[in-house]
Amino acid sequence: MPDQQLDPQFPSRAENQLQKTREELKQAHITIEQLKHNFHELEKEKSRLGKENQKLTAQSQESISVLSEISLKEPALIHKINDLEAEVKRLKTQVESVNSLKRAGLFVDYENIRICLEQKSQRAMDPVKTLDAIENLISTGDRRISMRVAYLPSNFKDEQRLLIKKGYEVFLKNPGKRKNGSFTCNVDIAMALDVLERSGQLDVLVLATGDGDFLDLINFIRARHKDRFAFDVIGVEGSINVELMDAELAQKIRLHHLPPA
């Protein structure tokens, strides 16, 4: 049997094949590691999604619970809403009713009213009782007092505080001294100018005074504005100037008599 000779290229081919096998094994190892990494990431994502699902489930259960509670309370809520709507409607009607009333401005010649009352009743005037009586005389069904102004001597400190507390604006004037030693405090001009300045905000001008000099102011305003304003005058019964009473007869003013008692 003849001797077999080795292929001289065999070692080289074997080495090449071995190298190729090594590269394939190396690549396979890399692929396996990549697969392990991907699997690990998928596990992490699965865990995250599981937690998110639990959270959503809990929120869903909570929402169902809230909706169930609302459903149980729905009749009471509807009743409450209906009550609120009725209250809003009532208040709206009340506001519209108030806005439809004539705006009355009350201007009080405090000294005139005080002196006349005290002369007639022979006792000190009760400011609260007097002011309430004046307001009651003019607070009729078609008007509301939207402005209150009083004019009095600057030394009437207690009366000033009381008037402010009752919602009055207060105009103070220093009293003057007569020759006989008595004091006077004439606020006619200040009061007249105030009425002229503020009349644009009003529908009814109410003068609490028995002084006939204010008839000139009424005639002046009426001449300029015709029937734009209604005029009310409040004076102490038995102490009202005759010219004011004549003006009432001529239907220029509505005159109210304040009882001295």
Protein backbone atom coordinates (compact mmCIF):
# COMPACT_ATOMS: atom_id res chain seq x y z
CA MET A 1 0.00 0.00 0.00
CA PRO A 2 1.55 3.21 -1.12
CA ASP A 3 2.21 5.90 1.45
CA GLN A 4 -0.48 8.65 1.66
CA GLN A 5 0.90 12.13 1.41
CA LEU A 6 -0.63 15.04 3.32
CA ASP A 7 -2.02 17.97 1.35
CA PRO A 8 0.50 20.71 1.82
CA GLN A 9 -2.39 23.28 1.98
CA PHE A 10 -4.23 21.42 4.73
CA PRO A 11 -2.62 23.15 7.69
CA SER A 12 -3.36 26.54 6.21
CA ARG A 13 -6.97 25.68 5.47
CA ALA A 14 -7.42 24.16 8.90
CA GLU A 15 -6.05 27.33 10.51
CA ASN A 16 -8.38 29.47 8.43
CA GLN A 17 -11.34 27.30 9.32
CA LEU A 18 -10.43 27.44 12.99
CA GLN A 19 -10.15 31.25 12.85
CA LYS A 20 -13.49 31.47 11.14
CA THR A 21 -15.07 29.24 13.77
CA ARG A 22 -13.60 31.43 16.52
CA GLU A 23 -15.10 34.57 14.90
CA GLU A 24 -18.48 32.90 14.62
CA LEU A 25 -18.36 31.85 18.27
CA LYS A 26 -17.37 35.37 19.27
CA GLN A 27 -20.23 36.85 17.24
CA ALA A 28 -22.64 34.33 18.71
CA HIS A 29 -21.49 35.34 22.22
CA ILE A 30 -22.11 39.02 21.43
CA THR A 31 -25.57 38.17 20.12
CA ILE A 32 -26.37 36.19 23.25
CA GLU A 33 -25.27 39.10 25.47
CA GLN A 34 -27.41 41.49 23.43
CA LEU A 35 -30.38 39.18 23.78
CA LYS A 36 -29.79 39.00 27.55
CA HIS A 37 -29.71 42.81 27.73
CA ASN A 38 -32.89 43.14 25.65
CA PHE A 39 -34.61 40.53 27.81
CA HIS A 40 -33.59 42.47 30.95
CA GLU A 41 -34.98 45.72 29.48
CA LEU A 42 -38.22 43.97 28.55
CA GLU A 43 -38.52 42.72 32.13
CA LYS A 44 -38.05 46.27 33.43
CA GLU A 45 -40.67 47.62 31.02
CA LYS A 46 -43.04 44.81 32.02
CA SER A 47 -42.59 45.76 35.68
CA ARG A 48 -43.20 49.46 34.93
CA LEU A 49 -46.33 48.69 32.91
CA GLY A 50 -47.57 46.46 35.72
CA LYS A 51 -47.22 49.26 38.26
CA GLU A 52 -48.87 51.73 35.88
CA ASN A 53 -51.73 49.29 35.37
CA GLN A 54 -52.17 48.99 39.15
CA LYS A 55 -52.22 52.78 39.47
CA LEU A 56 -54.80 53.15 36.69
CA THR A 57 -56.89 50.40 38.23
CA ALA A 58 -56.84 52.19 41.59
CA GLN A 59 -57.79 55.51 39.95
CA SER A 60 -60.56 53.81 38.05
CA GLN A 61 -61.93 52.30 41.25
CA GLU A 62 -61.74 55.70 42.96
CA SER A 63 -63.57 57.36 40.05
CA ILE A 64 -66.26 54.70 40.17
CA SER A 65 -66.61 55.30 43.91
CA VAL A 66 -66.89 59.08 43.44
CA LEU A 67 -69.44 58.68 40.65
CA SER A 68 -71.44 56.31 42.82
CA GLU A 69 -71.37 58.82 45.66
CA ILE A 70 -72.45 61.64 43.34
CA SER A 71 -75.21 59.45 41.98
CA LEU A 72 -76.48 58.85 45.50
CA LYS A 73 -76.34 62.58 46.30
CA GLU A 74 -77.74 63.74 42.95
CA PRO A 75 -81.32 64.41 44.16
CA ALA A 76 -80.03 66.51 47.06
CA LEU A 77 -77.66 68.41 44.74
CA ILE A 78 -80.42 69.10 42.25
CA HIS A 79 -82.64 70.36 45.08
CA LYS A 80 -79.82 72.63 46.31
CA ILE A 81 -79.21 74.00 42.81
CA ASN A 82 -82.93 74.71 42.40
CA ASP A 83 -82.95 76.55 45.73
CA LEU A 84 -79.95 78.65 44.69
CA GLU A 85 -81.52 79.50 41.33
CA ALA A 86 -84.72 80.57 43.10
CA GLU A 87 -82.70 82.76 45.52
CA VAL A 88 -80.79 84.39 42.64
CA LYS A 89 -84.08 85.09 40.86
CA ARG A 90 -85.55 86.59 44.03
CA LEU A 91 -82.53 88.83 44.60
CA LYS A 92 -82.53 89.91 40.95
CA THR A 93 -86.20 90.88 41.21
CA GLN A 94 -85.46 92.76 44.45
CA VAL A 95 -82.57 94.68 42.84
CA GLU A 96 -84.71 95.56 39.82
CA SER A 97 -87.45 96.74 42.16
CA VAL A 98 -85.03 98.95 44.12
CA ASN A 99 -83.50 100.37 40.93
CA SER A 100 -86.96 101.30 39.66
CA LEU A 101 -87.62 103.51 42.71
CA LYS A 102 -87.12 107.25 42.51
CA ARG A 103 -83.87 108.44 44.11
CA ALA A 104 -84.57 110.86 46.92
CA GLY A 105 -81.96 113.18 48.40
CA LEU A 106 -82.63 114.35 51.98
CA PHE A 107 -81.09 117.69 52.97
CA VAL A 108 -81.62 118.56 56.66
CA ASP A 109 -81.42 122.11 58.03
CA TYR A 110 -80.65 120.69 61.47
CA GLU A 111 -80.81 123.93 63.47
CA ASN A 112 -84.12 124.99 61.94
CA ILE A 113 -85.72 121.66 62.78
CA ARG A 114 -84.17 121.54 66.28
CA ILE A 115 -85.13 125.10 67.29
CA CYS A 116 -88.70 124.78 65.98
CA LEU A 117 -89.25 121.41 67.69
CA GLU A 118 -87.86 122.58 71.02
CA GLN A 119 -89.90 125.78 70.93
CA LYS A 120 -93.08 123.83 70.26
CA SER A 121 -92.47 120.91 72.63
CA GLN A 122 -90.59 122.81 75.35
CA ARG A 123 -88.04 120.00 75.64
CA ALA A 124 -84.77 118.94 74.04
CA MET A 125 -85.03 117.31 70.67
CA ASP A 126 -84.31 113.58 70.39
CA PRO A 127 -82.11 113.46 67.23
CA VAL A 128 -82.63 109.76 66.50
CA LYS A 129 -86.39 109.90 66.92
CA THR A 130 -86.60 113.09 64.84
CA LEU A 131 -84.48 111.80 61.95
CA ASP A 132 -86.40 108.53 61.86
CA ALA A 133 -89.69 110.46 61.75
CA ILE A 134 -88.40 112.64 58.89
CA GLU A 135 -87.30 109.61 56.87
CA ASN A 136 -90.59 107.81 57.48
CA LEU A 137 -92.50 110.77 56.06
CA ILE A 138 -90.76 110.52 52.68
CA SER A 139 -90.11 106.78 52.39
CA THR A 140 -93.17 106.01 50.30
CA GLY A 141 -93.66 103.07 47.97
CA ASP A 142 -92.19 104.74 44.86
CA ARG A 143 -88.99 106.23 46.27
CA ARG A 144 -85.88 105.39 48.26
CA ILE A 145 -83.50 107.69 50.13
CA SER A 146 -80.21 107.44 48.28
CA MET A 147 -78.53 110.50 49.81
CA ARG A 148 -78.57 112.00 53.30
CA VAL A 149 -76.90 115.33 54.13
CA ALA A 150 -77.23 117.36 57.33
CA TYR A 151 -76.07 120.91 58.04
CA LEU A 152 -75.35 121.90 61.64
CA PRO A 153 -73.14 124.02 63.89
CA SER A 154 -69.56 122.83 64.28
CA ASN A 155 -69.85 122.71 68.08
CA PHE A 156 -72.53 119.97 67.93
CA LYS A 157 -70.00 117.16 68.37
CA ASP A 158 -72.36 114.49 69.74
CA GLU A 159 -74.93 115.14 67.01
CA GLN A 160 -72.19 114.99 64.38
CA ARG A 161 -71.12 111.52 65.50
CA LEU A 162 -74.71 110.32 65.64
CA LEU A 163 -75.50 111.60 62.15
CA ILE A 164 -72.43 109.95 60.65
CA LYS A 165 -73.37 106.68 62.34
CA LYS A 166 -76.84 106.91 60.72
CA GLY A 167 -75.30 107.32 57.29
CA TYR A 168 -75.46 111.09 56.89
CA GLU A 169 -72.89 113.31 55.29
CA VAL A 170 -72.31 116.20 57.64
CA PHE A 171 -71.65 119.86 56.75
CA LEU A 172 -70.37 121.91 59.67
CA LYS A 173 -70.50 125.67 60.05
CA ASN A 174 -69.08 127.79 62.82
CA PRO A 175 -71.91 129.57 64.66
CA GLY A 176 -72.06 133.38 64.64
CA LYS A 177 -72.85 135.62 67.60
CA ARG A 178 -75.71 138.10 67.57
CA LYS A 179 -75.60 141.52 69.23
CA ASN A 180 -77.78 140.28 72.06
CA GLY A 181 -75.21 137.56 72.84
CA SER A 182 -77.13 134.63 71.39
CA PHE A 183 -75.69 132.44 68.66
CA THR A 184 -76.91 131.79 65.13
CA CYS A 185 -75.85 129.33 62.47
CA ASN A 186 -77.32 130.08 59.06
CA VAL A 187 -76.58 127.28 56.59
CA ASP A 188 -79.02 128.41 53.87
CA ILE A 189 -76.42 129.30 51.24
CA ALA A 190 -74.29 126.19 51.79
CA MET A 191 -77.36 123.97 51.72
CA ALA A 192 -78.75 125.63 48.57
CA LEU A 193 -75.45 125.29 46.71
CA ASP A 194 -75.19 121.65 47.77
CA VAL A 195 -78.70 120.89 46.49
CA LEU A 196 -77.88 122.49 43.14
CA GLU A 197 -74.61 120.58 42.82
CA ARG A 198 -76.04 117.17 43.76
CA SER A 199 -79.44 117.40 42.08
CA GLY A 200 -78.21 115.65 38.93
CA GLN A 201 -77.94 112.38 40.89
CA LEU A 202 -81.53 112.53 42.17
CA ASP A 203 -85.19 112.40 41.17
CA VAL A 204 -86.71 113.85 44.36
CA LEU A 205 -85.26 116.76 46.33
CA VAL A 206 -86.31 116.72 49.99
CA LEU A 207 -85.63 119.77 52.16
CA ALA A 208 -86.12 119.32 55.90
CA THR A 209 -86.71 122.94 56.92
CA GLY A 210 -89.52 125.36 57.59
CA ASP A 211 -87.52 128.30 56.22
CA GLY A 212 -89.38 130.07 53.39
CA ASP A 213 -86.13 131.32 51.86
CA PHE A 214 -85.68 127.90 50.26
CA LEU A 215 -88.71 128.55 48.06
CA ASP A 216 -86.43 130.70 45.88
CA LEU A 217 -84.17 127.68 45.38
CA ILE A 218 -87.14 125.49 44.45
CA ASN A 219 -88.44 128.05 41.96
CA PHE A 220 -84.98 128.44 40.44
CA ILE A 221 -84.53 124.69 39.89
CA ARG A 222 -88.08 124.30 38.58
CA ALA A 223 -87.56 127.17 36.10
CA ARG A 224 -84.38 125.54 34.75
CA HIS A 225 -85.53 121.91 34.75
CA LYS A 226 -89.34 122.15 34.64
CA ASP A 227 -90.71 118.80 35.82
CA ARG A 228 -87.35 117.02 36.07
CA PHE A 229 -87.56 116.91 39.89
CA ALA A 230 -90.22 116.39 42.52
CA PHE A 231 -89.92 118.59 45.62
CA ASP A 232 -90.76 117.55 49.18
CA VAL A 233 -90.46 119.92 52.14
CA ILE A 234 -90.60 118.77 55.76
CA GLY A 235 -91.20 121.34 58.48
CA VAL A 236 -92.23 121.31 62.10
CA GLU A 237 -95.98 121.55 62.42
CA GLY A 238 -96.98 125.12 63.32
CA SER A 239 -93.57 126.55 62.36
CA ILE A 240 -93.65 126.29 58.56
CA ASN A 241 -93.32 129.52 56.60
CA VAL A 242 -96.60 130.58 55.00
CA GLU A 243 -94.97 130.88 51.57
CA LEU A 244 -94.14 127.18 51.68
CA MET A 245 -97.75 126.37 52.53
CA ASP A 246 -98.89 128.54 49.58
CA ALA A 247 -96.47 126.62 47.36
CA GLU A 248 -98.12 123.37 48.44
CA LEU A 249 -101.53 124.80 47.51
CA ALA A 250 -100.09 125.71 44.10
CA GLN A 251 -98.86 122.09 43.81
CA LYS A 252 -95.26 123.21 43.48
CA ILE A 253 -94.15 121.07 46.43
CA ARG A 254 -95.40 118.27 48.62
CA LEU A 255 -95.37 119.50 52.20
CA HIS A 256 -94.96 117.22 55.23
CA HIS A 257 -95.74 118.35 58.78
CA LEU A 258 -93.46 116.99 61.48
CA PRO A 259 -95.36 116.69 64.78
CA PRO A 260 -93.59 118.47 67.69
CA ALA A 261 -94.38 115.71 70.20
